[in-house]
Amino acid sequence: MTMLFLRDRIDESIEIVRSMQPPDGYYLAFSGGKDSVVLYNLAEKSGVGFDAHYNITTADPPELVRFIRHHYPTVSMDRPEKSMWEIIPDRLMPPTRLVRYCCALLKEGGGEGRVVLTGIKKSDSTKRRSAVVRSCRKNGRVVVNPLLNWVDEEIWEYIHS
């Protein structure tokens, strides 16, 4: 990986973020992971308006919550209507690797009626593959994925640089 190629990736992502900027600013979906850390930094560099949100699952690792609170104190910590422990009896089983209802219920619902920035990459999984921009009729969101074409090596290179 050369820094020159990474510079092209960065410029492309910043252009996507700037070109789709909504009047009320973005709802930035923040997980505290490497991809959302890069996304947050690129949103800052782009100069667009945004408010970042971490959707608490109620089964979150304490180290992750501390990391977000310490390094990203402006990120809103959004609590769900029902905790994971209240949802499990309703579903009659805990979430598994194959049945991941928890993500849809606890993490992916934020930003209703907003333009949402995510750190989703094509390389994440076949289910997460998407377009750079897509609309969700169900909740009125427009989702923008400026890191879609990045790979983990580029994410780490950006973080280390």
N, C-alpha and C. Protein backbone atom coordinates (compact mmCIF):
# COMPACT_ATOMS: atom_id res chain seq x y z
N MET A 1 0.86 -1.18 0.00
CA MET A 1 0.00 0.00 0.00
C MET A 1 0.90 1.24 0.00
N THR A 2 0.65 2.13 -0.92
CA THR A 2 1.42 3.36 -0.93
C THR A 2 0.56 4.48 -0.37
N MET A 3 1.24 5.45 0.22
CA MET A 3 0.53 6.60 0.78
C MET A 3 -0.20 7.37 -0.31
N LEU A 4 0.35 7.34 -1.54
CA LEU A 4 -0.29 8.03 -2.65
C LEU A 4 -1.65 7.41 -2.96
N PHE A 5 -1.73 6.07 -2.97
CA PHE A 5 -3.00 5.40 -3.22
C PHE A 5 -3.98 5.68 -2.08
N LEU A 6 -3.49 5.66 -0.85
CA LEU A 6 -4.34 5.97 0.30
C LEU A 6 -4.87 7.40 0.20
N ARG A 7 -4.04 8.33 -0.26
CA ARG A 7 -4.46 9.72 -0.43
C ARG A 7 -5.65 9.78 -1.39
N ASP A 8 -5.62 8.98 -2.47
CA ASP A 8 -6.74 8.93 -3.42
C ASP A 8 -8.01 8.42 -2.73
N ARG A 9 -7.87 7.39 -1.90
CA ARG A 9 -9.02 6.84 -1.16
C ARG A 9 -9.61 7.91 -0.24
N ILE A 10 -8.73 8.61 0.46
CA ILE A 10 -9.16 9.66 1.39
C ILE A 10 -9.91 10.75 0.63
N ASP A 11 -9.31 11.23 -0.46
CA ASP A 11 -9.93 12.29 -1.25
C ASP A 11 -11.29 11.86 -1.80
N GLU A 12 -11.38 10.61 -2.27
CA GLU A 12 -12.63 10.09 -2.81
C GLU A 12 -13.72 10.06 -1.72
N SER A 13 -13.35 9.60 -0.54
CA SER A 13 -14.32 9.52 0.56
C SER A 13 -14.77 10.90 1.03
N ILE A 14 -13.85 11.82 1.13
CA ILE A 14 -14.20 13.18 1.53
C ILE A 14 -15.12 13.82 0.50
N GLU A 15 -14.87 13.58 -0.78
CA GLU A 15 -15.73 14.11 -1.84
C GLU A 15 -17.14 13.53 -1.74
N ILE A 16 -17.25 12.24 -1.45
CA ILE A 16 -18.56 11.62 -1.27
C ILE A 16 -19.30 12.29 -0.12
N VAL A 17 -18.61 12.45 1.00
CA VAL A 17 -19.23 13.05 2.19
C VAL A 17 -19.68 14.49 1.90
N ARG A 18 -18.84 15.25 1.24
CA ARG A 18 -19.20 16.63 0.93
C ARG A 18 -20.35 16.71 -0.07
N SER A 19 -20.35 15.83 -1.06
CA SER A 19 -21.35 15.92 -2.13
C SER A 19 -22.75 15.54 -1.66
N MET A 20 -22.85 14.75 -0.60
CA MET A 20 -24.15 14.28 -0.11
C MET A 20 -24.61 15.03 1.14
N GLN A 21 -23.89 16.06 1.54
CA GLN A 21 -24.19 16.73 2.81
C GLN A 21 -25.61 17.25 2.86
N PRO A 22 -26.37 16.81 3.86
CA PRO A 22 -27.74 17.31 4.01
C PRO A 22 -27.74 18.65 4.75
N PRO A 23 -28.78 19.46 4.55
CA PRO A 23 -28.86 20.77 5.22
C PRO A 23 -28.79 20.68 6.74
N ASP A 24 -29.36 19.61 7.32
CA ASP A 24 -29.37 19.47 8.78
C ASP A 24 -28.17 18.68 9.31
N GLY A 25 -27.21 18.37 8.46
CA GLY A 25 -26.04 17.61 8.87
C GLY A 25 -26.33 16.12 8.89
N TYR A 26 -25.27 15.36 8.93
CA TYR A 26 -25.37 13.90 8.94
C TYR A 26 -25.66 13.35 10.33
N TYR A 27 -26.27 12.19 10.36
CA TYR A 27 -26.34 11.33 11.53
C TYR A 27 -25.21 10.33 11.29
N LEU A 28 -24.12 10.41 12.06
CA LEU A 28 -22.98 9.53 11.86
C LEU A 28 -23.13 8.34 12.80
N ALA A 29 -23.25 7.14 12.23
CA ALA A 29 -23.38 5.92 13.01
C ALA A 29 -21.99 5.52 13.51
N PHE A 30 -21.80 5.57 14.82
CA PHE A 30 -20.48 5.36 15.41
C PHE A 30 -20.49 4.13 16.30
N SER A 31 -19.58 3.20 16.02
CA SER A 31 -19.52 1.97 16.82
C SER A 31 -18.34 1.96 17.77
N GLY A 32 -17.37 2.85 17.56
CA GLY A 32 -16.15 2.83 18.34
C GLY A 32 -15.09 1.93 17.74
N GLY A 33 -15.43 1.24 16.65
CA GLY A 33 -14.47 0.37 15.97
C GLY A 33 -13.60 1.16 15.01
N LYS A 34 -12.66 0.45 14.41
CA LYS A 34 -11.67 1.10 13.55
C LYS A 34 -12.31 1.84 12.36
N ASP A 35 -13.34 1.25 11.76
CA ASP A 35 -13.97 1.89 10.60
C ASP A 35 -14.69 3.17 10.99
N SER A 36 -15.40 3.14 12.10
CA SER A 36 -16.14 4.35 12.48
C SER A 36 -15.19 5.43 13.00
N VAL A 37 -14.05 5.05 13.55
CA VAL A 37 -13.05 6.05 13.96
C VAL A 37 -12.52 6.78 12.72
N VAL A 38 -12.24 6.03 11.66
CA VAL A 38 -11.79 6.65 10.40
C VAL A 38 -12.91 7.52 9.81
N LEU A 39 -14.13 7.00 9.81
CA LEU A 39 -15.27 7.75 9.29
C LEU A 39 -15.43 9.08 10.04
N TYR A 40 -15.37 9.04 11.35
CA TYR A 40 -15.50 10.23 12.18
C TYR A 40 -14.43 11.27 11.79
N ASN A 41 -13.18 10.81 11.66
CA ASN A 41 -12.09 11.71 11.32
C ASN A 41 -12.27 12.31 9.93
N LEU A 42 -12.71 11.49 8.97
CA LEU A 42 -12.94 12.00 7.61
C LEU A 42 -14.09 13.00 7.58
N ALA A 43 -15.13 12.76 8.38
CA ALA A 43 -16.24 13.72 8.46
C ALA A 43 -15.73 15.05 9.02
N GLU A 44 -14.87 14.99 10.03
CA GLU A 44 -14.28 16.22 10.56
C GLU A 44 -13.45 16.94 9.50
N LYS A 45 -12.59 16.18 8.81
CA LYS A 45 -11.73 16.77 7.79
C LYS A 45 -12.53 17.38 6.64
N SER A 46 -13.68 16.80 6.34
CA SER A 46 -14.49 17.28 5.21
C SER A 46 -15.17 18.60 5.52
N GLY A 47 -15.31 18.91 6.81
CA GLY A 47 -15.94 20.17 7.20
C GLY A 47 -17.46 20.14 7.17
N VAL A 48 -18.06 18.97 7.02
CA VAL A 48 -19.52 18.88 6.99
C VAL A 48 -20.08 18.87 8.41
N GLY A 49 -21.35 19.19 8.52
CA GLY A 49 -22.03 19.10 9.80
C GLY A 49 -22.44 17.66 10.08
N PHE A 50 -22.28 17.22 11.32
CA PHE A 50 -22.72 15.88 11.69
C PHE A 50 -22.86 15.79 13.20
N ASP A 51 -23.70 14.86 13.62
CA ASP A 51 -23.78 14.48 15.02
C ASP A 51 -23.60 12.97 15.06
N ALA A 52 -22.68 12.51 15.90
CA ALA A 52 -22.34 11.10 15.96
C ALA A 52 -23.13 10.41 17.06
N HIS A 53 -23.56 9.17 16.78
CA HIS A 53 -24.40 8.41 17.71
C HIS A 53 -23.87 7.00 17.88
N TYR A 54 -23.74 6.59 19.12
CA TYR A 54 -23.42 5.21 19.46
C TYR A 54 -24.68 4.59 20.04
N ASN A 55 -25.18 3.55 19.40
CA ASN A 55 -26.38 2.88 19.87
C ASN A 55 -25.98 1.79 20.87
N ILE A 56 -26.30 2.01 22.10
CA ILE A 56 -25.96 1.09 23.17
C ILE A 56 -26.78 -0.19 22.99
N THR A 57 -26.11 -1.35 23.11
CA THR A 57 -26.81 -2.62 22.97
C THR A 57 -27.21 -3.20 24.32
N THR A 58 -26.65 -2.69 25.39
CA THR A 58 -26.80 -3.18 26.77
C THR A 58 -25.98 -4.45 27.00
N ALA A 59 -25.20 -4.86 26.01
CA ALA A 59 -24.26 -5.97 26.17
C ALA A 59 -22.89 -5.50 25.68
N ASP A 60 -22.65 -4.20 25.80
CA ASP A 60 -21.44 -3.58 25.27
C ASP A 60 -20.24 -3.85 26.17
N PRO A 61 -19.07 -4.12 25.58
CA PRO A 61 -17.87 -4.27 26.40
C PRO A 61 -17.56 -2.95 27.12
N PRO A 62 -17.32 -2.99 28.42
CA PRO A 62 -17.04 -1.75 29.16
C PRO A 62 -15.84 -0.99 28.61
N GLU A 63 -14.85 -1.72 28.10
CA GLU A 63 -13.66 -1.06 27.54
C GLU A 63 -14.03 -0.22 26.33
N LEU A 64 -14.96 -0.69 25.54
CA LEU A 64 -15.40 0.05 24.36
C LEU A 64 -16.13 1.33 24.78
N VAL A 65 -17.01 1.22 25.73
CA VAL A 65 -17.76 2.39 26.21
C VAL A 65 -16.79 3.42 26.79
N ARG A 66 -15.81 2.96 27.57
CA ARG A 66 -14.80 3.88 28.13
C ARG A 66 -14.00 4.54 27.03
N PHE A 67 -13.61 3.78 25.99
CA PHE A 67 -12.85 4.32 24.86
C PHE A 67 -13.64 5.45 24.19
N ILE A 68 -14.91 5.20 23.92
CA ILE A 68 -15.74 6.21 23.26
C ILE A 68 -15.87 7.44 24.15
N ARG A 69 -16.20 7.24 25.40
CA ARG A 69 -16.38 8.38 26.31
C ARG A 69 -15.10 9.20 26.45
N HIS A 70 -13.96 8.54 26.48
CA HIS A 70 -12.68 9.23 26.66
C HIS A 70 -12.22 9.95 25.38
N HIS A 71 -12.27 9.24 24.24
CA HIS A 71 -11.72 9.79 23.00
C HIS A 71 -12.74 10.51 22.12
N TYR A 72 -14.01 10.22 22.34
CA TYR A 72 -15.07 10.82 21.52
C TYR A 72 -16.21 11.30 22.42
N PRO A 73 -15.92 12.27 23.28
CA PRO A 73 -16.93 12.69 24.27
C PRO A 73 -18.17 13.34 23.67
N THR A 74 -18.11 13.78 22.43
CA THR A 74 -19.29 14.41 21.83
C THR A 74 -20.24 13.39 21.20
N VAL A 75 -19.84 12.12 21.15
CA VAL A 75 -20.71 11.09 20.59
C VAL A 75 -21.87 10.85 21.54
N SER A 76 -23.08 10.92 21.00
CA SER A 76 -24.29 10.67 21.79
C SER A 76 -24.40 9.18 22.08
N MET A 77 -24.65 8.83 23.34
CA MET A 77 -24.84 7.44 23.74
C MET A 77 -26.34 7.18 23.80
N ASP A 78 -26.89 6.56 22.77
CA ASP A 78 -28.33 6.38 22.64
C ASP A 78 -28.77 5.03 23.21
N ARG A 79 -29.70 5.07 24.15
CA ARG A 79 -30.20 3.85 24.79
C ARG A 79 -31.41 3.29 24.04
N PRO A 80 -31.50 1.95 23.96
CA PRO A 80 -32.65 1.35 23.28
C PRO A 80 -33.89 1.35 24.17
N GLU A 81 -35.06 1.17 23.55
CA GLU A 81 -36.30 1.06 24.32
C GLU A 81 -36.28 -0.19 25.20
N LYS A 82 -35.77 -1.30 24.65
CA LYS A 82 -35.66 -2.55 25.39
C LYS A 82 -34.21 -3.00 25.40
N SER A 83 -33.77 -3.57 26.50
CA SER A 83 -32.40 -4.07 26.58
C SER A 83 -32.31 -5.42 25.85
N MET A 84 -31.08 -5.83 25.59
CA MET A 84 -30.86 -7.15 25.00
C MET A 84 -31.51 -8.23 25.85
N TRP A 85 -31.44 -8.07 27.15
CA TRP A 85 -31.94 -9.07 28.09
C TRP A 85 -33.47 -9.11 28.12
N GLU A 86 -34.10 -8.03 27.69
CA GLU A 86 -35.56 -8.02 27.57
C GLU A 86 -36.01 -8.57 26.21
N ILE A 87 -35.16 -8.43 25.21
CA ILE A 87 -35.49 -8.89 23.86
C ILE A 87 -35.35 -10.41 23.74
N ILE A 88 -34.36 -10.98 24.40
CA ILE A 88 -34.11 -12.42 24.28
C ILE A 88 -35.34 -13.26 24.62
N PRO A 89 -36.04 -13.02 25.73
CA PRO A 89 -37.24 -13.82 25.99
C PRO A 89 -38.34 -13.63 24.93
N ASP A 90 -38.43 -12.42 24.37
CA ASP A 90 -39.41 -12.18 23.30
C ASP A 90 -39.10 -13.02 22.07
N ARG A 91 -37.83 -13.21 21.78
CA ARG A 91 -37.39 -13.96 20.60
C ARG A 91 -37.22 -15.46 20.87
N LEU A 92 -37.30 -15.83 22.12
CA LEU A 92 -37.20 -17.23 22.55
C LEU A 92 -35.82 -17.85 22.34
N MET A 93 -34.82 -16.99 22.07
CA MET A 93 -33.45 -17.48 21.94
C MET A 93 -32.50 -16.29 21.92
N PRO A 94 -31.29 -16.49 22.38
CA PRO A 94 -30.31 -15.40 22.27
C PRO A 94 -29.85 -15.26 20.81
N PRO A 95 -29.31 -14.11 20.46
CA PRO A 95 -28.77 -13.97 19.10
C PRO A 95 -27.59 -14.93 18.92
N THR A 96 -27.40 -15.38 17.70
CA THR A 96 -26.28 -16.26 17.38
C THR A 96 -25.52 -15.68 16.20
N ARG A 97 -24.48 -16.37 15.81
CA ARG A 97 -23.70 -15.94 14.66
C ARG A 97 -24.56 -15.94 13.39
N LEU A 98 -25.50 -16.85 13.31
CA LEU A 98 -26.36 -16.95 12.12
C LEU A 98 -27.67 -16.19 12.25
N VAL A 99 -28.16 -16.01 13.46
CA VAL A 99 -29.41 -15.29 13.71
C VAL A 99 -29.05 -14.05 14.54
N ARG A 100 -28.81 -12.94 13.82
CA ARG A 100 -28.30 -11.74 14.48
C ARG A 100 -29.36 -10.64 14.55
N TYR A 101 -30.50 -10.96 15.07
CA TYR A 101 -31.58 -9.99 15.16
C TYR A 101 -31.21 -8.79 16.01
N CYS A 102 -30.25 -8.97 16.91
CA CYS A 102 -29.88 -7.90 17.84
C CYS A 102 -29.36 -6.66 17.11
N CYS A 103 -28.58 -6.84 16.05
CA CYS A 103 -28.04 -5.69 15.31
C CYS A 103 -29.17 -4.86 14.71
N ALA A 104 -30.11 -5.52 14.08
CA ALA A 104 -31.22 -4.80 13.46
C ALA A 104 -32.04 -4.05 14.50
N LEU A 105 -32.24 -4.66 15.66
CA LEU A 105 -33.08 -4.05 16.70
C LEU A 105 -32.33 -2.99 17.51
N LEU A 106 -31.06 -3.21 17.78
CA LEU A 106 -30.35 -2.35 18.72
C LEU A 106 -29.34 -1.40 18.09
N LYS A 107 -28.83 -1.69 16.91
CA LYS A 107 -27.76 -0.86 16.37
C LYS A 107 -28.13 -0.13 15.08
N GLU A 108 -28.98 -0.70 14.27
CA GLU A 108 -29.18 -0.17 12.92
C GLU A 108 -30.41 0.70 12.75
N GLY A 109 -31.10 1.02 13.81
CA GLY A 109 -32.35 1.77 13.68
C GLY A 109 -32.21 3.27 13.79
N GLY A 110 -31.06 3.76 14.16
CA GLY A 110 -30.90 5.19 14.39
C GLY A 110 -30.92 6.01 13.11
N GLY A 111 -31.21 7.27 13.26
CA GLY A 111 -31.17 8.19 12.14
C GLY A 111 -32.41 8.21 11.28
N GLU A 112 -33.54 7.84 11.86
CA GLU A 112 -34.79 7.82 11.10
C GLU A 112 -35.04 9.19 10.46
N GLY A 113 -35.31 9.19 9.15
CA GLY A 113 -35.59 10.42 8.42
C GLY A 113 -34.36 11.26 8.13
N ARG A 114 -33.17 10.73 8.41
CA ARG A 114 -31.92 11.49 8.25
C ARG A 114 -31.04 10.88 7.16
N VAL A 115 -30.00 11.59 6.82
CA VAL A 115 -28.94 11.04 5.97
C VAL A 115 -27.88 10.51 6.92
N VAL A 116 -27.62 9.21 6.83
CA VAL A 116 -26.78 8.50 7.79
C VAL A 116 -25.44 8.14 7.15
N LEU A 117 -24.36 8.48 7.85
CA LEU A 117 -23.01 8.07 7.42
C LEU A 117 -22.65 6.79 8.16
N THR A 118 -22.18 5.78 7.43
CA THR A 118 -21.73 4.55 8.07
C THR A 118 -20.32 4.21 7.61
N GLY A 119 -19.66 3.36 8.37
CA GLY A 119 -18.32 2.88 8.03
C GLY A 119 -18.35 1.51 7.37
N ILE A 120 -19.45 1.15 6.74
CA ILE A 120 -19.56 -0.15 6.09
C ILE A 120 -18.60 -0.24 4.90
N LYS A 121 -17.94 -1.42 4.80
CA LYS A 121 -17.05 -1.71 3.68
C LYS A 121 -17.54 -2.96 2.96
N LYS A 122 -17.27 -3.05 1.67
CA LYS A 122 -17.65 -4.25 0.90
C LYS A 122 -17.03 -5.50 1.51
N SER A 123 -15.83 -5.37 2.03
CA SER A 123 -15.11 -6.53 2.55
C SER A 123 -15.66 -7.03 3.89
N ASP A 124 -16.61 -6.32 4.49
CA ASP A 124 -17.12 -6.73 5.80
C ASP A 124 -17.85 -8.06 5.74
N SER A 125 -18.77 -8.21 4.81
CA SER A 125 -19.50 -9.46 4.63
C SER A 125 -20.40 -9.33 3.42
N THR A 126 -20.86 -10.45 2.91
CA THR A 126 -21.74 -10.39 1.74
C THR A 126 -23.06 -9.72 2.07
N LYS A 127 -23.56 -9.88 3.30
CA LYS A 127 -24.82 -9.25 3.69
C LYS A 127 -24.70 -7.73 3.79
N ARG A 128 -23.49 -7.23 4.10
CA ARG A 128 -23.31 -5.80 4.29
C ARG A 128 -22.93 -5.08 3.01
N ARG A 129 -22.71 -5.82 1.94
CA ARG A 129 -22.36 -5.18 0.68
C ARG A 129 -23.50 -4.30 0.24
N SER A 130 -23.15 -3.16 -0.23
CA SER A 130 -24.18 -2.17 -0.51
C SER A 130 -23.68 -1.24 -1.59
N ALA A 131 -24.41 -0.19 -1.81
CA ALA A 131 -23.98 0.88 -2.71
C ALA A 131 -23.42 2.01 -1.86
N VAL A 132 -22.72 2.91 -2.49
CA VAL A 132 -22.19 4.07 -1.76
C VAL A 132 -23.35 4.85 -1.15
N VAL A 133 -24.46 4.95 -1.87
CA VAL A 133 -25.65 5.64 -1.37
C VAL A 133 -26.85 4.73 -1.59
N ARG A 134 -27.67 4.58 -0.57
CA ARG A 134 -28.91 3.80 -0.73
C ARG A 134 -29.99 4.41 0.14
N SER A 135 -31.22 4.22 -0.28
CA SER A 135 -32.38 4.72 0.47
C SER A 135 -33.06 3.57 1.18
N CYS A 136 -33.57 3.85 2.36
CA CYS A 136 -34.35 2.87 3.12
C CYS A 136 -35.77 3.38 3.21
N ARG A 137 -36.68 2.74 2.49
CA ARG A 137 -38.07 3.18 2.51
C ARG A 137 -38.70 2.98 3.88
N LYS A 138 -38.27 1.93 4.57
CA LYS A 138 -38.87 1.57 5.85
C LYS A 138 -38.79 2.69 6.89
N ASN A 139 -37.66 3.39 6.96
CA ASN A 139 -37.52 4.43 7.99
C ASN A 139 -37.09 5.78 7.44
N GLY A 140 -37.17 5.95 6.14
CA GLY A 140 -36.89 7.25 5.55
C GLY A 140 -35.43 7.69 5.59
N ARG A 141 -34.54 6.76 5.86
CA ARG A 141 -33.12 7.10 5.90
C ARG A 141 -32.50 7.01 4.51
N VAL A 142 -31.53 7.85 4.29
CA VAL A 142 -30.62 7.71 3.16
C VAL A 142 -29.29 7.35 3.80
N VAL A 143 -28.68 6.25 3.35
CA VAL A 143 -27.43 5.78 3.95
C VAL A 143 -26.29 6.05 2.98
N VAL A 144 -25.24 6.69 3.49
CA VAL A 144 -24.06 7.01 2.69
C VAL A 144 -22.89 6.22 3.29
N ASN A 145 -22.22 5.45 2.44
CA ASN A 145 -21.12 4.58 2.86
C ASN A 145 -19.81 5.02 2.20
N PRO A 146 -19.17 6.09 2.67
CA PRO A 146 -17.98 6.60 1.99
C PRO A 146 -16.75 5.70 2.10
N LEU A 147 -16.78 4.70 2.98
CA LEU A 147 -15.64 3.78 3.11
C LEU A 147 -15.89 2.47 2.37
N LEU A 148 -16.93 2.40 1.57
CA LEU A 148 -17.35 1.16 0.95
C LEU A 148 -16.22 0.44 0.22
N ASN A 149 -15.37 1.16 -0.48
CA ASN A 149 -14.32 0.54 -1.28
C ASN A 149 -12.99 0.40 -0.55
N TRP A 150 -12.94 0.79 0.70
CA TRP A 150 -11.72 0.62 1.49
C TRP A 150 -11.58 -0.84 1.91
N VAL A 151 -10.35 -1.24 2.19
CA VAL A 151 -10.07 -2.56 2.78
C VAL A 151 -9.39 -2.32 4.13
N ASP A 152 -9.35 -3.36 4.95
CA ASP A 152 -8.79 -3.22 6.30
C ASP A 152 -7.38 -2.65 6.30
N GLU A 153 -6.56 -3.07 5.35
CA GLU A 153 -5.18 -2.56 5.28
C GLU A 153 -5.17 -1.03 5.15
N GLU A 154 -6.07 -0.49 4.35
CA GLU A 154 -6.16 0.97 4.18
C GLU A 154 -6.64 1.64 5.45
N ILE A 155 -7.62 1.03 6.12
CA ILE A 155 -8.12 1.58 7.38
C ILE A 155 -6.99 1.68 8.39
N TRP A 156 -6.24 0.59 8.56
CA TRP A 156 -5.12 0.59 9.52
C TRP A 156 -4.03 1.57 9.11
N GLU A 157 -3.73 1.65 7.82
CA GLU A 157 -2.72 2.60 7.34
C GLU A 157 -3.14 4.04 7.68
N TYR A 158 -4.41 4.33 7.47
CA TYR A 158 -4.94 5.67 7.79
C TYR A 158 -4.80 5.94 9.29
N ILE A 159 -5.20 4.98 10.10
CA ILE A 159 -5.12 5.16 11.56
C ILE A 159 -3.67 5.38 11.99
N HIS A 160 -2.75 4.59 11.46
CA HIS A 160 -1.34 4.72 11.84
C HIS A 160 -0.70 5.99 11.31
N SER A 161 -1.24 6.52 10.21
CA SER A 161 -0.66 7.75 9.66
C SER A 161 -1.15 8.96 10.41
